[in-house]
Amino acid sequence: MKIAKNHQMRKKYTVQLGENELVLKELDLLREDANVYKLIGPVLVKQDLAEANANVGKRIEYISAELKRLDATVQDLEEKQNSKKETILKLQQRIQSLQAGKGKA
């Protein structure tokens, strides 16, 4: 359950990362005197190009860090899940061997 939720969040952040990288590429194509606008609610607000670049860069850093965190969490959860599977398999084998021993007696 937690693994599926983490995969869903990872997918969301991956899409956001792609979008922000695309925005950064588009901003790099602009001249320094170009008008840049940021959507805040229903209003477009004029923004400095350098500030827009910095904001998108920070967003990319944040999303990348979240992706790394989610990857570590998923890896940890998968390791715990595999450990539980091994424990269950060992218990099942022990039960089968005990049942086989009772059948022979």
N, C-alpha and C. Protein backbone atom coordinates (compact mmCIF):
# COMPACT_ATOMS: atom_id res chain seq x y z
N MET A 1 0.83 -1.19 0.00
CA MET A 1 0.00 0.00 0.00
C MET A 1 0.87 1.26 0.00
N LYS A 2 1.84 1.28 0.93
CA LYS A 2 2.72 2.44 1.00
C LYS A 2 3.60 2.54 -0.25
N ILE A 3 4.02 1.38 -0.76
CA ILE A 3 4.87 1.38 -1.95
C ILE A 3 4.10 1.96 -3.14
N ALA A 4 2.85 1.57 -3.30
CA ALA A 4 2.03 2.09 -4.40
C ALA A 4 1.84 3.60 -4.27
N LYS A 5 1.62 4.07 -3.05
CA LYS A 5 1.44 5.51 -2.81
C LYS A 5 2.73 6.26 -3.17
N ASN A 6 3.87 5.68 -2.78
CA ASN A 6 5.15 6.31 -3.10
C ASN A 6 5.39 6.33 -4.60
N HIS A 7 5.02 5.26 -5.29
CA HIS A 7 5.18 5.24 -6.75
C HIS A 7 4.30 6.31 -7.40
N GLN A 8 3.10 6.48 -6.86
CA GLN A 8 2.18 7.50 -7.39
C GLN A 8 2.77 8.90 -7.18
N MET A 9 3.32 9.15 -6.00
CA MET A 9 3.94 10.46 -5.72
C MET A 9 5.17 10.67 -6.61
N ARG A 10 5.93 9.59 -6.82
CA ARG A 10 7.12 9.69 -7.66
C ARG A 10 6.74 10.05 -9.09
N LYS A 11 5.67 9.44 -9.57
CA LYS A 11 5.18 9.74 -10.92
C LYS A 11 4.80 11.22 -11.03
N LYS A 12 4.10 11.72 -10.02
CA LYS A 12 3.68 13.13 -10.00
C LYS A 12 4.90 14.06 -10.03
N TYR A 13 5.89 13.76 -9.18
CA TYR A 13 7.09 14.60 -9.14
C TYR A 13 7.90 14.49 -10.43
N THR A 14 7.92 13.33 -11.05
CA THR A 14 8.64 13.16 -12.30
C THR A 14 8.03 14.04 -13.39
N VAL A 15 6.70 14.08 -13.44
CA VAL A 15 6.01 14.93 -14.42
C VAL A 15 6.33 16.40 -14.14
N GLN A 16 6.28 16.80 -12.87
CA GLN A 16 6.58 18.18 -12.50
C GLN A 16 8.02 18.55 -12.85
N LEU A 17 8.93 17.60 -12.63
CA LEU A 17 10.34 17.85 -12.96
C LEU A 17 10.50 18.09 -14.46
N GLY A 18 9.86 17.26 -15.27
CA GLY A 18 9.91 17.44 -16.71
C GLY A 18 9.34 18.78 -17.15
N GLU A 19 8.22 19.16 -16.55
CA GLU A 19 7.60 20.46 -16.89
C GLU A 19 8.53 21.61 -16.54
N ASN A 20 9.12 21.56 -15.35
CA ASN A 20 10.00 22.65 -14.91
C ASN A 20 11.29 22.71 -15.72
N GLU A 21 11.81 21.55 -16.12
CA GLU A 21 13.00 21.56 -16.98
C GLU A 21 12.68 22.16 -18.33
N LEU A 22 11.48 21.89 -18.84
CA LEU A 22 11.04 22.49 -20.10
C LEU A 22 10.91 24.01 -19.96
N VAL A 23 10.34 24.47 -18.85
CA VAL A 23 10.22 25.91 -18.60
C VAL A 23 11.60 26.55 -18.55
N LEU A 24 12.55 25.89 -17.88
CA LEU A 24 13.90 26.44 -17.78
C LEU A 24 14.54 26.56 -19.17
N LYS A 25 14.34 25.56 -20.02
CA LYS A 25 14.86 25.63 -21.39
C LYS A 25 14.24 26.79 -22.15
N GLU A 26 12.94 26.97 -21.97
CA GLU A 26 12.25 28.08 -22.65
C GLU A 26 12.77 29.42 -22.14
N LEU A 27 13.01 29.53 -20.84
CA LEU A 27 13.52 30.79 -20.27
C LEU A 27 14.93 31.07 -20.79
N ASP A 28 15.71 30.03 -21.02
CA ASP A 28 17.07 30.21 -21.53
C ASP A 28 17.08 30.75 -22.96
N LEU A 29 15.99 30.53 -23.69
CA LEU A 29 15.90 31.02 -25.06
C LEU A 29 15.59 32.52 -25.14
N LEU A 30 15.12 33.09 -24.04
CA LEU A 30 14.69 34.50 -24.04
C LEU A 30 15.88 35.45 -23.94
N ARG A 31 15.68 36.64 -24.52
CA ARG A 31 16.64 37.72 -24.34
C ARG A 31 16.47 38.30 -22.95
N GLU A 32 17.48 39.00 -22.46
CA GLU A 32 17.44 39.55 -21.10
C GLU A 32 16.33 40.59 -20.93
N ASP A 33 15.94 41.26 -22.01
CA ASP A 33 14.92 42.30 -21.90
C ASP A 33 13.50 41.77 -22.16
N ALA A 34 13.36 40.47 -22.29
CA ALA A 34 12.05 39.86 -22.58
C ALA A 34 11.13 39.98 -21.37
N ASN A 35 9.84 40.10 -21.66
CA ASN A 35 8.85 40.14 -20.59
C ASN A 35 8.49 38.72 -20.17
N VAL A 36 8.53 38.50 -18.86
CA VAL A 36 8.18 37.20 -18.30
C VAL A 36 7.06 37.44 -17.30
N TYR A 37 6.05 36.58 -17.36
CA TYR A 37 4.91 36.71 -16.45
C TYR A 37 4.71 35.42 -15.67
N LYS A 38 4.30 35.60 -14.43
CA LYS A 38 4.03 34.46 -13.55
C LYS A 38 2.54 34.48 -13.21
N LEU A 39 1.92 33.31 -13.32
CA LEU A 39 0.50 33.20 -13.01
C LEU A 39 0.33 33.03 -11.50
N ILE A 40 -0.31 33.99 -10.87
CA ILE A 40 -0.61 33.93 -9.44
C ILE A 40 -2.11 34.03 -9.31
N GLY A 41 -2.74 32.89 -9.04
CA GLY A 41 -4.20 32.85 -9.03
C GLY A 41 -4.70 33.14 -10.43
N PRO A 42 -5.64 34.08 -10.57
CA PRO A 42 -6.17 34.41 -11.90
C PRO A 42 -5.40 35.56 -12.59
N VAL A 43 -4.29 36.01 -11.98
CA VAL A 43 -3.59 37.20 -12.46
C VAL A 43 -2.19 36.85 -12.96
N LEU A 44 -1.82 37.44 -14.10
CA LEU A 44 -0.45 37.33 -14.59
C LEU A 44 0.34 38.51 -14.04
N VAL A 45 1.43 38.21 -13.33
CA VAL A 45 2.25 39.25 -12.71
C VAL A 45 3.61 39.26 -13.42
N LYS A 46 4.05 40.46 -13.81
CA LYS A 46 5.34 40.59 -14.49
C LYS A 46 6.45 40.21 -13.52
N GLN A 47 7.43 39.47 -14.05
CA GLN A 47 8.53 38.98 -13.22
C GLN A 47 9.84 39.18 -13.95
N ASP A 48 10.88 39.45 -13.20
CA ASP A 48 12.22 39.61 -13.76
C ASP A 48 12.71 38.25 -14.27
N LEU A 49 13.38 38.24 -15.41
CA LEU A 49 13.86 36.99 -16.01
C LEU A 49 14.81 36.24 -15.08
N ALA A 50 15.72 36.96 -14.44
CA ALA A 50 16.67 36.32 -13.52
C ALA A 50 15.93 35.69 -12.34
N GLU A 51 14.92 36.38 -11.85
CA GLU A 51 14.12 35.86 -10.73
C GLU A 51 13.34 34.62 -11.16
N ALA A 52 12.81 34.66 -12.36
CA ALA A 52 12.07 33.51 -12.88
C ALA A 52 13.00 32.31 -13.02
N ASN A 53 14.20 32.53 -13.56
CA ASN A 53 15.19 31.45 -13.68
C ASN A 53 15.55 30.87 -12.31
N ALA A 54 15.75 31.75 -11.34
CA ALA A 54 16.11 31.31 -9.99
C ALA A 54 14.98 30.50 -9.37
N ASN A 55 13.74 30.97 -9.54
CA ASN A 55 12.59 30.26 -8.97
C ASN A 55 12.43 28.87 -9.58
N VAL A 56 12.56 28.78 -10.88
CA VAL A 56 12.42 27.48 -11.56
C VAL A 56 13.58 26.57 -11.14
N GLY A 57 14.77 27.12 -11.03
CA GLY A 57 15.93 26.34 -10.58
C GLY A 57 15.72 25.78 -9.18
N LYS A 58 15.19 26.61 -8.29
CA LYS A 58 14.91 26.15 -6.92
C LYS A 58 13.84 25.06 -6.92
N ARG A 59 12.83 25.24 -7.76
CA ARG A 59 11.77 24.24 -7.86
C ARG A 59 12.33 22.89 -8.34
N ILE A 60 13.23 22.95 -9.32
CA ILE A 60 13.85 21.73 -9.85
C ILE A 60 14.68 21.05 -8.75
N GLU A 61 15.43 21.84 -7.98
CA GLU A 61 16.21 21.29 -6.87
C GLU A 61 15.30 20.60 -5.86
N TYR A 62 14.21 21.26 -5.50
CA TYR A 62 13.28 20.70 -4.52
C TYR A 62 12.67 19.39 -5.02
N ILE A 63 12.21 19.40 -6.26
CA ILE A 63 11.58 18.20 -6.83
C ILE A 63 12.59 17.06 -6.92
N SER A 64 13.81 17.37 -7.33
CA SER A 64 14.86 16.35 -7.41
C SER A 64 15.15 15.75 -6.04
N ALA A 65 15.19 16.59 -5.01
CA ALA A 65 15.42 16.10 -3.65
C ALA A 65 14.26 15.21 -3.19
N GLU A 66 13.04 15.59 -3.53
CA GLU A 66 11.87 14.79 -3.16
C GLU A 66 11.91 13.44 -3.87
N LEU A 67 12.32 13.43 -5.13
CA LEU A 67 12.43 12.17 -5.87
C LEU A 67 13.46 11.24 -5.22
N LYS A 68 14.59 11.81 -4.81
CA LYS A 68 15.61 11.01 -4.13
C LYS A 68 15.07 10.45 -2.82
N ARG A 69 14.35 11.27 -2.08
CA ARG A 69 13.78 10.84 -0.81
C ARG A 69 12.77 9.71 -1.04
N LEU A 70 11.92 9.88 -2.04
CA LEU A 70 10.93 8.85 -2.34
C LEU A 70 11.60 7.55 -2.79
N ASP A 71 12.66 7.66 -3.58
CA ASP A 71 13.40 6.47 -4.01
C ASP A 71 13.96 5.71 -2.81
N ALA A 72 14.53 6.47 -1.86
CA ALA A 72 15.09 5.84 -0.67
C ALA A 72 13.99 5.18 0.16
N THR A 73 12.86 5.84 0.28
CA THR A 73 11.74 5.29 1.03
C THR A 73 11.22 4.01 0.38
N VAL A 74 11.06 4.03 -0.93
CA VAL A 74 10.58 2.85 -1.65
C VAL A 74 11.57 1.70 -1.50
N GLN A 75 12.85 2.00 -1.61
CA GLN A 75 13.87 0.97 -1.46
C GLN A 75 13.79 0.35 -0.07
N ASP A 76 13.65 1.19 0.95
CA ASP A 76 13.54 0.71 2.32
C ASP A 76 12.30 -0.17 2.50
N LEU A 77 11.17 0.29 1.97
CA LEU A 77 9.94 -0.48 2.08
C LEU A 77 10.05 -1.82 1.35
N GLU A 78 10.67 -1.82 0.19
CA GLU A 78 10.83 -3.06 -0.57
C GLU A 78 11.75 -4.03 0.16
N GLU A 79 12.81 -3.51 0.80
CA GLU A 79 13.70 -4.37 1.57
C GLU A 79 12.94 -4.99 2.75
N LYS A 80 12.13 -4.19 3.43
CA LYS A 80 11.33 -4.72 4.54
C LYS A 80 10.34 -5.76 4.04
N GLN A 81 9.72 -5.49 2.91
CA GLN A 81 8.77 -6.43 2.33
C GLN A 81 9.45 -7.75 1.98
N ASN A 82 10.63 -7.68 1.38
CA ASN A 82 11.37 -8.89 1.03
C ASN A 82 11.78 -9.67 2.27
N SER A 83 12.16 -8.97 3.31
CA SER A 83 12.52 -9.62 4.57
C SER A 83 11.33 -10.37 5.15
N LYS A 84 10.16 -9.74 5.11
CA LYS A 84 8.93 -10.38 5.61
C LYS A 84 8.59 -11.61 4.76
N LYS A 85 8.78 -11.51 3.44
CA LYS A 85 8.51 -12.64 2.56
C LYS A 85 9.40 -13.82 2.91
N GLU A 86 10.70 -13.53 3.15
CA GLU A 86 11.64 -14.59 3.51
C GLU A 86 11.22 -15.25 4.82
N THR A 87 10.81 -14.46 5.79
CA THR A 87 10.37 -15.00 7.08
C THR A 87 9.15 -15.89 6.89
N ILE A 88 8.21 -15.44 6.08
CA ILE A 88 7.00 -16.23 5.83
C ILE A 88 7.35 -17.54 5.13
N LEU A 89 8.24 -17.49 4.13
CA LEU A 89 8.65 -18.70 3.43
C LEU A 89 9.31 -19.71 4.38
N LYS A 90 10.18 -19.21 5.25
CA LYS A 90 10.84 -20.10 6.21
C LYS A 90 9.81 -20.74 7.14
N LEU A 91 8.83 -19.94 7.60
CA LEU A 91 7.79 -20.48 8.47
C LEU A 91 6.95 -21.52 7.74
N GLN A 92 6.62 -21.24 6.48
CA GLN A 92 5.84 -22.20 5.70
C GLN A 92 6.61 -23.51 5.52
N GLN A 93 7.91 -23.41 5.23
CA GLN A 93 8.72 -24.61 5.07
C GLN A 93 8.81 -25.40 6.37
N ARG A 94 8.92 -24.70 7.47
CA ARG A 94 8.99 -25.36 8.78
C ARG A 94 7.67 -26.07 9.08
N ILE A 95 6.55 -25.39 8.80
CA ILE A 95 5.23 -26.00 9.02
C ILE A 95 5.08 -27.25 8.16
N GLN A 96 5.49 -27.15 6.90
CA GLN A 96 5.39 -28.31 6.00
C GLN A 96 6.24 -29.46 6.48
N SER A 97 7.44 -29.17 6.96
CA SER A 97 8.31 -30.25 7.45
C SER A 97 7.74 -30.86 8.72
N LEU A 98 7.13 -30.05 9.58
CA LEU A 98 6.49 -30.58 10.79
C LEU A 98 5.29 -31.44 10.43
N GLN A 99 4.51 -30.98 9.46
CA GLN A 99 3.33 -31.76 9.02
C GLN A 99 3.77 -33.07 8.36
N ALA A 100 4.84 -33.03 7.61
CA ALA A 100 5.35 -34.25 6.96
C ALA A 100 5.84 -35.23 8.03
N GLY A 101 6.45 -34.70 9.09
CA GLY A 101 6.94 -35.55 10.19
C GLY A 101 5.79 -36.20 10.94
N LYS A 102 4.66 -35.48 11.11
CA LYS A 102 3.48 -36.03 11.77
C LYS A 102 2.82 -37.09 10.91
N GLY A 103 2.85 -36.90 9.62
CA GLY A 103 2.22 -37.85 8.71
C GLY A 103 2.93 -39.19 8.71
N LYS A 104 4.23 -39.14 8.91
CA LYS A 104 5.01 -40.39 8.92
C LYS A 104 4.86 -41.12 10.26
N ALA A 105 4.56 -40.41 11.33
CA ALA A 105 4.51 -41.03 12.67
C ALA A 105 3.23 -41.78 12.94
